[in-house]
Amino acid sequence: MRTLVIDTATRACSVALFDDDHVVAAAHEVIGRGHAERLLPLIATLPSNGKADQVMVNVGPGSFTGIRVGVAAAKALGLAWHVEVHGYGCLALVAAMGRSQLTEPAPIDVVMTGGHGEYFFEAFDAQGHSCAPARSVLPSDLLNLSTATVVAGDIDPQSTDRHWLDLLPDARHWVHLRANLPLAATPIYGRAPDAKPAPLSK
């Protein structure tokens, strides 16, 4: 089965085309912003324009705009190709990428840039199972939440007793999550939206 994987939930933008567990082709760029402009050109570089039997997309938590871009593109391609579209978790992928770099299994805490000075945090045990749902936390809360000696993500814990793996999601590593139950292709923002609705006029 061919799978197109789309990942735009962070400042990285990546795509990968799999044939079962084998990566046929992939592209990864750290762009910060502009996922809407870069995503389709990256997909177009893949064989057969990335056409696949299913589409997997990073549903977050992460960038509001990036997640929306990725999910919308995945659903549009799924509709055009008449294939199913599923999601996977941003922090789960980073944890899996971290585990692949370890010489032996160990718990991993994932810490990623959130918004308004907060971080996205999720702890995973040595087998890769989430200990609790991802949440948005203040930097001061990490001292109580993060206990693993291995930390993965784009936030340096600045602690001498931690081993930090500087990682951003990369679609080519989705294979590490292939055995996991897929998520719905619905955004998981992890925190309240920046924009608030205007109060109703009386």
N, C-alpha and C. Protein backbone atom coordinates (compact mmCIF):
# COMPACT_ATOMS: atom_id res chain seq x y z
N MET A 1 0.84 -1.20 0.00
CA MET A 1 0.00 0.00 0.00
C MET A 1 0.87 1.25 0.00
N ARG A 2 0.51 2.20 -0.83
CA ARG A 2 1.24 3.47 -0.87
C ARG A 2 0.57 4.48 0.06
N THR A 3 1.40 5.20 0.83
CA THR A 3 0.91 6.18 1.79
C THR A 3 1.63 7.50 1.58
N LEU A 4 0.85 8.55 1.45
CA LEU A 4 1.41 9.90 1.41
C LEU A 4 1.30 10.47 2.82
N VAL A 5 2.41 10.96 3.36
CA VAL A 5 2.44 11.55 4.69
C VAL A 5 2.72 13.04 4.57
N ILE A 6 1.90 13.84 5.23
CA ILE A 6 2.01 15.30 5.19
C ILE A 6 2.24 15.81 6.60
N ASP A 7 3.25 16.67 6.76
CA ASP A 7 3.56 17.19 8.09
C ASP A 7 3.86 18.69 8.01
N THR A 8 2.91 19.49 8.52
CA THR A 8 3.07 20.96 8.49
C THR A 8 2.73 21.58 9.84
N ALA A 9 2.79 20.81 10.91
CA ALA A 9 2.30 21.28 12.21
C ALA A 9 3.29 22.17 12.96
N THR A 10 4.54 22.24 12.48
CA THR A 10 5.55 23.06 13.15
C THR A 10 6.23 23.95 12.11
N ARG A 11 7.36 24.55 12.46
CA ARG A 11 8.07 25.39 11.50
C ARG A 11 8.73 24.57 10.40
N ALA A 12 8.69 23.24 10.53
CA ALA A 12 9.15 22.36 9.46
C ALA A 12 7.98 22.01 8.54
N CYS A 13 8.30 21.78 7.29
CA CYS A 13 7.30 21.33 6.30
C CYS A 13 7.89 20.12 5.61
N SER A 14 7.20 18.99 5.70
CA SER A 14 7.76 17.78 5.11
C SER A 14 6.67 16.89 4.52
N VAL A 15 7.08 16.11 3.54
CA VAL A 15 6.19 15.14 2.91
C VAL A 15 7.00 13.87 2.66
N ALA A 16 6.32 12.74 2.62
CA ALA A 16 6.99 11.48 2.31
C ALA A 16 6.01 10.54 1.64
N LEU A 17 6.51 9.77 0.69
CA LEU A 17 5.70 8.76 0.02
C LEU A 17 6.27 7.39 0.39
N PHE A 18 5.41 6.55 0.96
CA PHE A 18 5.81 5.21 1.39
C PHE A 18 5.19 4.15 0.50
N ASP A 19 5.93 3.08 0.30
CA ASP A 19 5.39 1.84 -0.26
C ASP A 19 5.50 0.82 0.87
N ASP A 20 4.40 0.58 1.56
CA ASP A 20 4.40 -0.15 2.82
C ASP A 20 5.35 0.55 3.80
N ASP A 21 6.44 -0.11 4.24
CA ASP A 21 7.37 0.51 5.19
C ASP A 21 8.54 1.21 4.52
N HIS A 22 8.61 1.14 3.21
CA HIS A 22 9.75 1.69 2.48
C HIS A 22 9.49 3.12 2.02
N VAL A 23 10.43 4.00 2.31
CA VAL A 23 10.31 5.39 1.85
C VAL A 23 10.69 5.46 0.38
N VAL A 24 9.73 5.80 -0.47
CA VAL A 24 9.98 5.94 -1.90
C VAL A 24 10.67 7.26 -2.18
N ALA A 25 10.17 8.33 -1.56
CA ALA A 25 10.76 9.67 -1.73
C ALA A 25 10.25 10.54 -0.60
N ALA A 26 11.04 11.58 -0.27
CA ALA A 26 10.65 12.45 0.83
C ALA A 26 11.32 13.81 0.66
N ALA A 27 10.74 14.81 1.30
CA ALA A 27 11.32 16.16 1.31
C ALA A 27 11.03 16.79 2.66
N HIS A 28 12.00 17.54 3.17
CA HIS A 28 11.86 18.17 4.49
C HIS A 28 12.55 19.52 4.45
N GLU A 29 11.82 20.57 4.83
CA GLU A 29 12.37 21.92 4.87
C GLU A 29 11.93 22.59 6.17
N VAL A 30 12.84 23.32 6.79
CA VAL A 30 12.48 24.14 7.94
C VAL A 30 12.26 25.55 7.41
N ILE A 31 10.99 25.96 7.35
CA ILE A 31 10.64 27.21 6.67
C ILE A 31 10.07 28.26 7.61
N GLY A 32 9.70 27.86 8.81
CA GLY A 32 9.10 28.83 9.73
C GLY A 32 7.65 29.07 9.39
N ARG A 33 7.43 29.87 8.35
CA ARG A 33 6.07 30.15 7.87
C ARG A 33 5.99 29.87 6.37
N GLY A 34 4.77 29.98 5.83
CA GLY A 34 4.59 29.80 4.40
C GLY A 34 4.32 28.37 3.99
N HIS A 35 3.74 27.57 4.90
CA HIS A 35 3.44 26.18 4.57
C HIS A 35 2.46 26.06 3.42
N ALA A 36 1.51 26.97 3.35
CA ALA A 36 0.51 26.90 2.28
C ALA A 36 1.16 27.04 0.91
N GLU A 37 2.22 27.85 0.84
CA GLU A 37 2.91 28.06 -0.44
C GLU A 37 3.86 26.92 -0.78
N ARG A 38 4.44 26.27 0.23
CA ARG A 38 5.46 25.25 -0.03
C ARG A 38 4.91 23.83 -0.13
N LEU A 39 3.78 23.55 0.53
CA LEU A 39 3.33 22.17 0.64
C LEU A 39 3.06 21.51 -0.71
N LEU A 40 2.22 22.10 -1.52
CA LEU A 40 1.86 21.47 -2.80
C LEU A 40 3.06 21.31 -3.73
N PRO A 41 3.97 22.31 -3.82
CA PRO A 41 5.18 22.09 -4.63
C PRO A 41 6.02 20.92 -4.12
N LEU A 42 6.10 20.73 -2.80
CA LEU A 42 6.85 19.60 -2.27
C LEU A 42 6.19 18.28 -2.65
N ILE A 43 4.86 18.23 -2.55
CA ILE A 43 4.14 17.01 -2.94
C ILE A 43 4.36 16.72 -4.42
N ALA A 44 4.41 17.78 -5.23
CA ALA A 44 4.57 17.61 -6.68
C ALA A 44 5.94 17.03 -7.04
N THR A 45 6.92 17.13 -6.14
CA THR A 45 8.24 16.55 -6.42
C THR A 45 8.26 15.04 -6.22
N LEU A 46 7.24 14.50 -5.56
CA LEU A 46 7.19 13.06 -5.30
C LEU A 46 6.76 12.30 -6.56
N PRO A 47 7.15 11.04 -6.69
CA PRO A 47 6.70 10.24 -7.84
C PRO A 47 5.18 10.24 -7.97
N SER A 48 4.70 10.37 -9.21
CA SER A 48 3.27 10.40 -9.50
C SER A 48 2.55 11.49 -8.70
N ASN A 49 3.27 12.59 -8.43
CA ASN A 49 2.70 13.71 -7.66
C ASN A 49 2.18 13.25 -6.30
N GLY A 50 2.83 12.23 -5.75
CA GLY A 50 2.48 11.77 -4.41
C GLY A 50 1.24 10.90 -4.33
N LYS A 51 0.66 10.55 -5.46
CA LYS A 51 -0.59 9.79 -5.42
C LYS A 51 -0.42 8.49 -4.64
N ALA A 52 -1.38 8.24 -3.73
CA ALA A 52 -1.24 7.11 -2.81
C ALA A 52 -2.59 6.46 -2.54
N ASP A 53 -2.54 5.35 -1.81
CA ASP A 53 -3.75 4.61 -1.45
C ASP A 53 -4.37 5.12 -0.16
N GLN A 54 -3.61 5.92 0.60
CA GLN A 54 -4.12 6.57 1.80
C GLN A 54 -3.24 7.78 2.09
N VAL A 55 -3.79 8.72 2.86
CA VAL A 55 -3.05 9.92 3.23
C VAL A 55 -3.03 10.01 4.76
N MET A 56 -1.85 10.27 5.31
CA MET A 56 -1.68 10.49 6.74
C MET A 56 -1.22 11.93 6.94
N VAL A 57 -1.75 12.59 7.98
CA VAL A 57 -1.40 14.00 8.19
C VAL A 57 -1.20 14.27 9.67
N ASN A 58 -0.21 15.10 9.98
CA ASN A 58 0.05 15.52 11.36
C ASN A 58 -1.08 16.44 11.80
N VAL A 59 -1.82 16.03 12.84
CA VAL A 59 -2.97 16.82 13.28
C VAL A 59 -2.68 17.66 14.52
N GLY A 60 -1.41 17.66 14.97
CA GLY A 60 -1.04 18.52 16.08
C GLY A 60 -0.81 17.76 17.38
N PRO A 61 -0.63 18.54 18.46
CA PRO A 61 -0.71 19.99 18.53
C PRO A 61 0.50 20.66 17.89
N GLY A 62 0.30 21.94 17.57
CA GLY A 62 1.35 22.70 16.90
C GLY A 62 0.82 24.04 16.45
N SER A 63 1.33 24.50 15.32
CA SER A 63 0.92 25.78 14.76
C SER A 63 -0.52 25.72 14.26
N PHE A 64 -1.34 26.68 14.68
CA PHE A 64 -2.73 26.71 14.22
C PHE A 64 -2.80 26.70 12.69
N THR A 65 -2.05 27.62 12.08
CA THR A 65 -2.10 27.76 10.62
C THR A 65 -1.53 26.52 9.94
N GLY A 66 -0.38 26.06 10.43
CA GLY A 66 0.25 24.89 9.82
C GLY A 66 -0.63 23.67 9.85
N ILE A 67 -1.26 23.42 10.99
CA ILE A 67 -2.15 22.26 11.11
C ILE A 67 -3.31 22.37 10.13
N ARG A 68 -3.91 23.54 10.06
CA ARG A 68 -5.05 23.73 9.15
C ARG A 68 -4.64 23.50 7.69
N VAL A 69 -3.47 24.00 7.33
CA VAL A 69 -2.98 23.83 5.95
C VAL A 69 -2.81 22.35 5.64
N GLY A 70 -2.16 21.62 6.54
CA GLY A 70 -1.92 20.21 6.29
C GLY A 70 -3.18 19.38 6.22
N VAL A 71 -4.09 19.60 7.17
CA VAL A 71 -5.33 18.83 7.20
C VAL A 71 -6.19 19.13 5.97
N ALA A 72 -6.27 20.41 5.60
CA ALA A 72 -7.07 20.78 4.43
C ALA A 72 -6.52 20.15 3.16
N ALA A 73 -5.20 20.17 3.01
CA ALA A 73 -4.57 19.58 1.82
C ALA A 73 -4.79 18.07 1.79
N ALA A 74 -4.62 17.43 2.94
CA ALA A 74 -4.81 15.97 3.02
C ALA A 74 -6.22 15.58 2.64
N LYS A 75 -7.21 16.31 3.17
CA LYS A 75 -8.60 15.99 2.86
C LYS A 75 -8.92 16.24 1.39
N ALA A 76 -8.35 17.31 0.83
CA ALA A 76 -8.59 17.60 -0.59
C ALA A 76 -8.02 16.49 -1.47
N LEU A 77 -6.82 16.03 -1.15
CA LEU A 77 -6.22 14.95 -1.93
C LEU A 77 -6.97 13.65 -1.74
N GLY A 78 -7.40 13.39 -0.52
CA GLY A 78 -8.19 12.19 -0.26
C GLY A 78 -9.47 12.17 -1.07
N LEU A 79 -10.10 13.32 -1.16
CA LEU A 79 -11.34 13.44 -1.93
C LEU A 79 -11.07 13.24 -3.41
N ALA A 80 -9.99 13.84 -3.90
CA ALA A 80 -9.66 13.75 -5.33
C ALA A 80 -9.27 12.33 -5.73
N TRP A 81 -8.56 11.65 -4.82
CA TRP A 81 -8.07 10.30 -5.13
C TRP A 81 -9.03 9.21 -4.65
N HIS A 82 -10.08 9.58 -3.93
CA HIS A 82 -11.04 8.62 -3.38
C HIS A 82 -10.34 7.64 -2.44
N VAL A 83 -9.52 8.20 -1.53
CA VAL A 83 -8.81 7.36 -0.56
C VAL A 83 -9.07 7.90 0.85
N GLU A 84 -8.78 7.07 1.85
CA GLU A 84 -8.99 7.48 3.23
C GLU A 84 -7.89 8.41 3.72
N VAL A 85 -8.27 9.30 4.62
CA VAL A 85 -7.33 10.25 5.23
C VAL A 85 -7.36 10.05 6.74
N HIS A 86 -6.18 9.88 7.34
CA HIS A 86 -6.07 9.69 8.78
C HIS A 86 -5.04 10.65 9.36
N GLY A 87 -5.07 10.78 10.68
CA GLY A 87 -4.13 11.66 11.35
C GLY A 87 -3.17 10.91 12.25
N TYR A 88 -2.13 11.63 12.66
CA TYR A 88 -1.21 11.12 13.68
C TYR A 88 -0.76 12.30 14.53
N GLY A 89 -0.31 12.02 15.74
CA GLY A 89 0.05 13.07 16.68
C GLY A 89 1.44 13.63 16.46
N CYS A 90 1.56 14.94 16.59
CA CYS A 90 2.83 15.62 16.41
C CYS A 90 3.87 15.16 17.44
N LEU A 91 3.48 15.19 18.71
CA LEU A 91 4.44 14.85 19.76
C LEU A 91 4.75 13.36 19.78
N ALA A 92 3.79 12.54 19.35
CA ALA A 92 4.04 11.10 19.26
C ALA A 92 5.11 10.81 18.21
N LEU A 93 5.08 11.55 17.09
CA LEU A 93 6.10 11.34 16.06
C LEU A 93 7.47 11.77 16.58
N VAL A 94 7.53 12.90 17.26
CA VAL A 94 8.82 13.37 17.80
C VAL A 94 9.36 12.36 18.81
N ALA A 95 8.48 11.82 19.65
CA ALA A 95 8.91 10.80 20.62
C ALA A 95 9.45 9.56 19.90
N ALA A 96 8.77 9.14 18.83
CA ALA A 96 9.21 7.97 18.07
C ALA A 96 10.56 8.24 17.40
N MET A 97 10.73 9.45 16.88
CA MET A 97 12.01 9.82 16.29
C MET A 97 13.12 9.79 17.34
N GLY A 98 12.79 10.25 18.55
CA GLY A 98 13.76 10.23 19.63
C GLY A 98 14.14 8.81 20.02
N ARG A 99 13.13 7.93 20.13
CA ARG A 99 13.39 6.54 20.50
C ARG A 99 14.31 5.86 19.49
N SER A 100 14.16 6.22 18.22
CA SER A 100 14.98 5.59 17.18
C SER A 100 16.46 5.96 17.31
N GLN A 101 16.76 7.01 18.08
CA GLN A 101 18.15 7.43 18.26
C GLN A 101 18.78 6.86 19.53
N LEU A 102 17.98 6.21 20.37
CA LEU A 102 18.49 5.67 21.62
C LEU A 102 19.04 4.27 21.44
N THR A 103 20.05 3.93 22.21
CA THR A 103 20.64 2.60 22.12
C THR A 103 19.81 1.57 22.89
N GLU A 104 19.01 2.02 23.85
CA GLU A 104 18.12 1.14 24.58
C GLU A 104 16.87 1.91 24.97
N PRO A 105 15.72 1.21 25.15
CA PRO A 105 14.46 1.91 25.45
C PRO A 105 14.55 2.74 26.72
N ALA A 106 13.90 3.91 26.67
CA ALA A 106 13.87 4.79 27.84
C ALA A 106 12.68 5.73 27.72
N PRO A 107 12.13 6.17 28.83
CA PRO A 107 11.05 7.18 28.78
C PRO A 107 11.55 8.46 28.11
N ILE A 108 10.67 9.12 27.39
CA ILE A 108 11.02 10.37 26.71
C ILE A 108 9.94 11.41 26.98
N ASP A 109 10.36 12.60 27.37
CA ASP A 109 9.45 13.75 27.46
C ASP A 109 9.62 14.56 26.19
N VAL A 110 8.51 14.93 25.58
CA VAL A 110 8.56 15.77 24.37
C VAL A 110 8.12 17.18 24.73
N VAL A 111 8.94 18.15 24.37
CA VAL A 111 8.64 19.56 24.63
C VAL A 111 8.81 20.32 23.33
N MET A 112 7.70 20.93 22.87
CA MET A 112 7.71 21.66 21.60
C MET A 112 7.22 23.09 21.81
N THR A 113 7.65 23.98 20.94
CA THR A 113 7.19 25.36 21.00
C THR A 113 5.68 25.43 20.87
N GLY A 114 5.05 26.15 21.80
CA GLY A 114 3.60 26.35 21.73
C GLY A 114 3.31 27.77 21.28
N GLY A 115 2.57 28.49 22.07
CA GLY A 115 2.25 29.88 21.75
C GLY A 115 2.14 30.69 23.01
N HIS A 116 2.32 32.01 22.89
CA HIS A 116 2.22 32.90 24.04
C HIS A 116 3.16 32.49 25.17
N GLY A 117 4.37 32.05 24.79
CA GLY A 117 5.36 31.68 25.79
C GLY A 117 5.12 30.34 26.44
N GLU A 118 4.15 29.56 25.96
CA GLU A 118 3.88 28.24 26.52
C GLU A 118 4.50 27.15 25.66
N TYR A 119 4.60 25.94 26.24
CA TYR A 119 5.15 24.80 25.53
C TYR A 119 4.11 23.69 25.44
N PHE A 120 4.20 22.89 24.38
CA PHE A 120 3.42 21.67 24.31
C PHE A 120 4.24 20.56 24.96
N PHE A 121 3.62 19.82 25.86
CA PHE A 121 4.33 18.79 26.61
C PHE A 121 3.55 17.48 26.59
N GLU A 122 4.29 16.38 26.41
CA GLU A 122 3.69 15.05 26.53
C GLU A 122 4.79 14.07 26.93
N ALA A 123 4.49 13.23 27.90
CA ALA A 123 5.45 12.24 28.38
C ALA A 123 5.12 10.87 27.78
N PHE A 124 6.15 10.13 27.40
CA PHE A 124 5.99 8.80 26.82
C PHE A 124 6.85 7.81 27.61
N ASP A 125 6.32 6.60 27.85
CA ASP A 125 7.10 5.60 28.57
C ASP A 125 8.10 4.94 27.62
N ALA A 126 8.87 3.99 28.16
CA ALA A 126 9.94 3.37 27.38
C ALA A 126 9.43 2.59 26.18
N GLN A 127 8.16 2.18 26.22
CA GLN A 127 7.57 1.44 25.08
C GLN A 127 6.92 2.38 24.07
N GLY A 128 6.95 3.68 24.34
CA GLY A 128 6.39 4.65 23.41
C GLY A 128 4.93 4.98 23.64
N HIS A 129 4.36 4.53 24.75
CA HIS A 129 2.97 4.83 25.05
C HIS A 129 2.87 6.18 25.76
N SER A 130 1.88 6.97 25.39
CA SER A 130 1.67 8.26 26.02
C SER A 130 1.20 8.07 27.46
N CYS A 131 1.79 8.83 28.38
CA CYS A 131 1.41 8.73 29.79
C CYS A 131 0.19 9.59 30.11
N ALA A 132 -0.05 10.62 29.30
CA ALA A 132 -1.19 11.52 29.47
C ALA A 132 -1.30 12.35 28.21
N PRO A 133 -2.50 12.86 27.88
CA PRO A 133 -2.64 13.66 26.66
C PRO A 133 -1.72 14.87 26.65
N ALA A 134 -1.35 15.29 25.45
CA ALA A 134 -0.53 16.48 25.31
C ALA A 134 -1.24 17.69 25.90
N ARG A 135 -0.47 18.60 26.46
CA ARG A 135 -1.05 19.80 27.04
C ARG A 135 -0.14 21.00 26.80
N SER A 136 -0.71 22.18 26.90
CA SER A 136 0.05 23.41 26.78
C SER A 136 0.36 23.90 28.19
N VAL A 137 1.65 24.11 28.48
CA VAL A 137 2.06 24.44 29.84
C VAL A 137 3.01 25.64 29.84
N LEU A 138 3.11 26.29 30.99
CA LEU A 138 4.06 27.36 31.19
C LEU A 138 5.45 26.78 31.44
N PRO A 139 6.51 27.51 31.08
CA PRO A 139 7.86 27.00 31.32
C PRO A 139 8.09 26.58 32.76
N SER A 140 7.53 27.31 33.71
CA SER A 140 7.72 26.99 35.12
C SER A 140 7.09 25.64 35.50
N ASP A 141 6.06 25.23 34.76
CA ASP A 141 5.39 23.96 35.06
C ASP A 141 6.23 22.75 34.65
N LEU A 142 7.17 22.95 33.72
CA LEU A 142 7.96 21.83 33.24
C LEU A 142 8.80 21.21 34.35
N LEU A 143 9.19 22.01 35.33
CA LEU A 143 10.02 21.51 36.42
C LEU A 143 9.30 20.39 37.18
N ASN A 144 7.97 20.50 37.28
CA ASN A 144 7.19 19.49 37.98
C ASN A 144 6.73 18.37 37.06
N LEU A 145 6.50 18.67 35.78
CA LEU A 145 5.94 17.69 34.85
C LEU A 145 7.00 16.79 34.22
N SER A 146 8.11 17.38 33.83
CA SER A 146 9.12 16.65 33.08
C SER A 146 10.09 15.95 34.03
N THR A 147 10.09 14.62 34.00
CA THR A 147 10.95 13.84 34.89
C THR A 147 11.88 12.90 34.14
N ALA A 148 11.64 12.68 32.84
CA ALA A 148 12.48 11.76 32.07
C ALA A 148 13.88 12.35 31.87
N THR A 149 14.86 11.47 31.77
CA THR A 149 16.23 11.93 31.55
C THR A 149 16.48 12.26 30.08
N VAL A 150 15.56 11.81 29.20
CA VAL A 150 15.67 12.12 27.77
C VAL A 150 14.53 13.06 27.39
N VAL A 151 14.89 14.18 26.76
CA VAL A 151 13.90 15.16 26.32
C VAL A 151 14.09 15.36 24.82
N ALA A 152 12.99 15.27 24.06
CA ALA A 152 13.04 15.48 22.61
C ALA A 152 12.15 16.64 22.23
N GLY A 153 12.53 17.35 21.18
CA GLY A 153 11.74 18.47 20.71
C GLY A 153 12.60 19.64 20.30
N ASP A 154 11.99 20.82 20.23
CA ASP A 154 12.74 22.00 19.80
C ASP A 154 12.99 22.98 20.94
N ILE A 155 12.84 22.51 22.19
CA ILE A 155 13.10 23.34 23.37
C ILE A 155 14.24 22.72 24.17
N ASP A 156 15.31 23.46 24.36
CA ASP A 156 16.43 22.97 25.14
C ASP A 156 16.09 23.10 26.63
N PRO A 157 16.05 21.99 27.39
CA PRO A 157 15.70 22.08 28.81
C PRO A 157 16.75 22.79 29.65
N GLN A 158 17.93 23.06 29.05
CA GLN A 158 18.99 23.79 29.77
C GLN A 158 19.29 23.15 31.12
N SER A 159 19.36 21.85 31.13
CA SER A 159 19.61 21.13 32.36
C SER A 159 20.71 20.11 32.12
N THR A 160 21.70 20.08 33.00
CA THR A 160 22.85 19.19 32.80
C THR A 160 22.51 17.72 33.03
N ASP A 161 21.37 17.45 33.71
CA ASP A 161 21.03 16.05 33.98
C ASP A 161 20.07 15.48 32.94
N ARG A 162 19.86 16.19 31.84
CA ARG A 162 18.97 15.71 30.78
C ARG A 162 19.75 15.50 29.48
N HIS A 163 19.33 14.52 28.71
CA HIS A 163 19.87 14.32 27.37
C HIS A 163 18.86 14.88 26.38
N TRP A 164 19.22 15.95 25.68
CA TRP A 164 18.28 16.63 24.80
C TRP A 164 18.50 16.23 23.35
N LEU A 165 17.42 15.85 22.68
CA LEU A 165 17.43 15.52 21.26
C LEU A 165 16.71 16.63 20.51
N ASP A 166 17.44 17.42 19.76
CA ASP A 166 16.89 18.57 19.03
C ASP A 166 16.17 18.05 17.78
N LEU A 167 14.83 17.99 17.85
CA LEU A 167 14.07 17.35 16.78
C LEU A 167 12.85 18.16 16.38
N LEU A 168 12.57 18.19 15.09
CA LEU A 168 11.31 18.67 14.54
C LEU A 168 10.68 17.50 13.78
N PRO A 169 9.35 17.45 13.70
CA PRO A 169 8.71 16.34 12.98
C PRO A 169 9.21 16.24 11.54
N ASP A 170 9.38 15.02 11.08
CA ASP A 170 9.80 14.76 9.70
C ASP A 170 8.95 13.60 9.18
N ALA A 171 8.22 13.85 8.10
CA ALA A 171 7.28 12.86 7.56
C ALA A 171 7.93 11.52 7.24
N ARG A 172 9.22 11.52 6.91
CA ARG A 172 9.87 10.26 6.52
C ARG A 172 9.99 9.29 7.69
N HIS A 173 9.76 9.77 8.93
CA HIS A 173 9.84 8.90 10.10
C HIS A 173 8.46 8.39 10.54
N TRP A 174 7.43 8.67 9.75
CA TRP A 174 6.09 8.19 10.08
C TRP A 174 6.06 6.67 10.24
N VAL A 175 6.96 5.98 9.58
CA VAL A 175 6.98 4.52 9.65
C VAL A 175 7.08 4.03 11.10
N HIS A 176 7.67 4.84 11.99
CA HIS A 176 7.78 4.45 13.39
C HIS A 176 6.41 4.44 14.08
N LEU A 177 5.42 5.09 13.47
CA LEU A 177 4.07 5.13 14.04
C LEU A 177 3.10 4.24 13.28
N ARG A 178 3.59 3.52 12.30
CA ARG A 178 2.71 2.78 11.40
C ARG A 178 1.84 1.77 12.14
N ALA A 179 2.37 1.22 13.23
CA ALA A 179 1.61 0.21 13.98
C ALA A 179 0.58 0.83 14.92
N ASN A 180 0.66 2.14 15.14
CA ASN A 180 -0.28 2.81 16.04
C ASN A 180 -1.66 2.94 15.40
N LEU A 181 -2.68 2.99 16.23
CA LEU A 181 -4.01 3.26 15.70
C LEU A 181 -4.05 4.69 15.15
N PRO A 182 -4.55 4.87 13.95
CA PRO A 182 -4.59 6.22 13.38
C PRO A 182 -5.60 7.10 14.11
N LEU A 183 -5.36 8.40 14.05
CA LEU A 183 -6.28 9.37 14.62
C LEU A 183 -7.20 9.89 13.53
N ALA A 184 -8.26 10.55 13.95
CA ALA A 184 -9.13 11.22 12.97
C ALA A 184 -8.35 12.39 12.36
N ALA A 185 -8.65 12.70 11.12
CA ALA A 185 -7.99 13.82 10.44
C ALA A 185 -8.64 15.13 10.88
N THR A 186 -8.56 15.39 12.17
CA THR A 186 -9.16 16.57 12.78
C THR A 186 -8.10 17.29 13.60
N PRO A 187 -7.95 18.60 13.45
CA PRO A 187 -6.89 19.31 14.17
C PRO A 187 -6.97 19.16 15.68
N ILE A 188 -5.80 18.97 16.29
CA ILE A 188 -5.65 18.99 17.74
C ILE A 188 -4.75 20.18 18.05
N TYR A 189 -5.34 21.28 18.46
CA TYR A 189 -4.55 22.50 18.63
C TYR A 189 -3.80 22.53 19.95
N GLY A 190 -4.31 21.89 20.98
CA GLY A 190 -3.61 21.82 22.24
C GLY A 190 -3.76 23.01 23.15
N ARG A 191 -4.37 24.08 22.65
CA ARG A 191 -4.62 25.27 23.47
C ARG A 191 -5.71 26.09 22.81
N ALA A 192 -6.20 27.09 23.52
CA ALA A 192 -7.26 27.93 22.98
C ALA A 192 -6.74 28.77 21.81
N PRO A 193 -7.60 29.11 20.86
CA PRO A 193 -7.16 29.93 19.72
C PRO A 193 -6.72 31.31 20.15
N ASP A 194 -5.81 31.90 19.35
CA ASP A 194 -5.33 33.26 19.65
C ASP A 194 -6.45 34.28 19.51
N ALA A 195 -7.24 34.12 18.47
CA ALA A 195 -8.30 35.09 18.20
C ALA A 195 -9.53 34.76 19.05
N LYS A 196 -10.12 35.77 19.62
CA LYS A 196 -11.33 35.58 20.41
C LYS A 196 -12.50 36.25 19.70
N PRO A 197 -13.69 35.63 19.74
CA PRO A 197 -14.83 36.23 19.06
C PRO A 197 -15.20 37.58 19.70
N ALA A 198 -15.63 38.49 18.86
CA ALA A 198 -16.03 39.81 19.38
C ALA A 198 -17.31 39.67 20.18
N PRO A 199 -17.43 40.44 21.27
CA PRO A 199 -18.66 40.36 22.09
C PRO A 199 -19.87 40.78 21.28
N LEU A 200 -21.00 40.16 21.57
CA LEU A 200 -22.22 40.50 20.86
C LEU A 200 -22.69 41.89 21.29
N SER A 201 -23.08 42.67 20.31
CA SER A 201 -23.58 44.02 20.62
C SER A 201 -24.99 43.92 21.20
N LYS A 202 -25.26 44.79 22.13
CA LYS A 202 -26.58 44.79 22.77
C LYS A 202 -27.58 45.61 21.98
